[in-house]
Protein backbone atom coordinates (compact mmCIF):
# COMPACT_ATOMS: atom_id res chain seq x y z
CA UNK A 1 95.21 109.90 89.78
CA UNK A 2 92.88 110.63 92.72
CA UNK A 3 94.00 112.76 95.38
CA UNK A 4 91.50 113.48 99.10
CA UNK A 5 91.74 116.64 100.44
CA UNK A 6 94.10 118.57 102.78
CA UNK A 7 96.51 116.28 100.73
CA UNK A 8 100.21 117.20 100.02
CA UNK A 9 102.74 116.24 97.95
CA UNK A 10 106.34 117.23 98.75
CA UNK A 11 108.90 117.64 96.61
CA UNK A 12 109.03 117.08 92.85
CA UNK A 13 107.76 113.17 92.92
CA UNK A 14 106.90 110.46 90.58
CA UNK A 15 103.37 109.50 91.34
CA UNK A 16 102.13 106.73 89.34
CA UNK A 17 99.12 106.32 86.42
CA UNK A 18 96.02 105.03 88.40
CA UNK A 19 96.99 106.59 92.58
CA UNK A 20 94.46 106.89 94.79
CA UNK A 21 95.83 108.71 97.44
CA UNK A 22 93.07 109.44 101.04
CA UNK A 23 92.27 112.82 102.23
CA UNK A 24 94.62 114.00 104.88
CA UNK A 25 97.61 111.87 102.99
CA UNK A 26 101.80 113.48 103.21
CA UNK A 27 103.62 112.24 99.90
CA UNK A 28 106.96 112.22 100.85
CA UNK A 29 108.22 109.50 98.27
CA UNK A 30 107.42 107.71 95.12
CA UNK A 31 104.91 106.30 94.80
CA UNK A 32 104.18 103.17 91.47
CA UNK A 33 101.01 103.25 89.21
CA UNK A 34 98.19 101.08 91.03
CA UNK A 35 99.03 102.12 94.09
CA UNK A 36 96.63 103.25 97.06
CA UNK A 37 98.00 105.03 100.03
CA UNK A 38 96.84 107.08 102.44
CA UNK A 39 98.68 108.53 106.35
CA UNK A 40 101.94 110.41 106.81
CA UNK A 41 104.31 109.51 105.81
CA UNK A 42 101.45 107.94 103.56
CA UNK A 43 102.44 104.67 102.89
CA UNK A 44 99.87 101.35 100.84
CA UNK A 45 96.53 101.56 102.03
CA UNK A 46 96.58 97.77 103.41
CA UNK A 47 99.13 98.90 106.09
CA UNK A 48 97.81 102.11 106.85
CA UNK A 49 94.44 100.10 108.23
CA UNK A 50 96.66 97.28 109.80
CA UNK A 51 98.85 99.63 111.73
CA UNK A 52 95.74 101.53 112.80
CA UNK A 53 92.89 99.16 113.45
CA UNK A 54 91.94 99.15 116.89
CA UNK A 55 91.48 96.16 118.89
């Protein structure tokens, strides 16, 4: 597991194996194995990038 700086994990959650959490993220639900998440609330990295894409 890799956790970026200033990230927070709330409560008793299950964080899977081989998970990467981006800096400044807020994890408020379980994360499955082999996931990359970012944002608040933390979500899949691809979804995060798609939602925050600037045109």
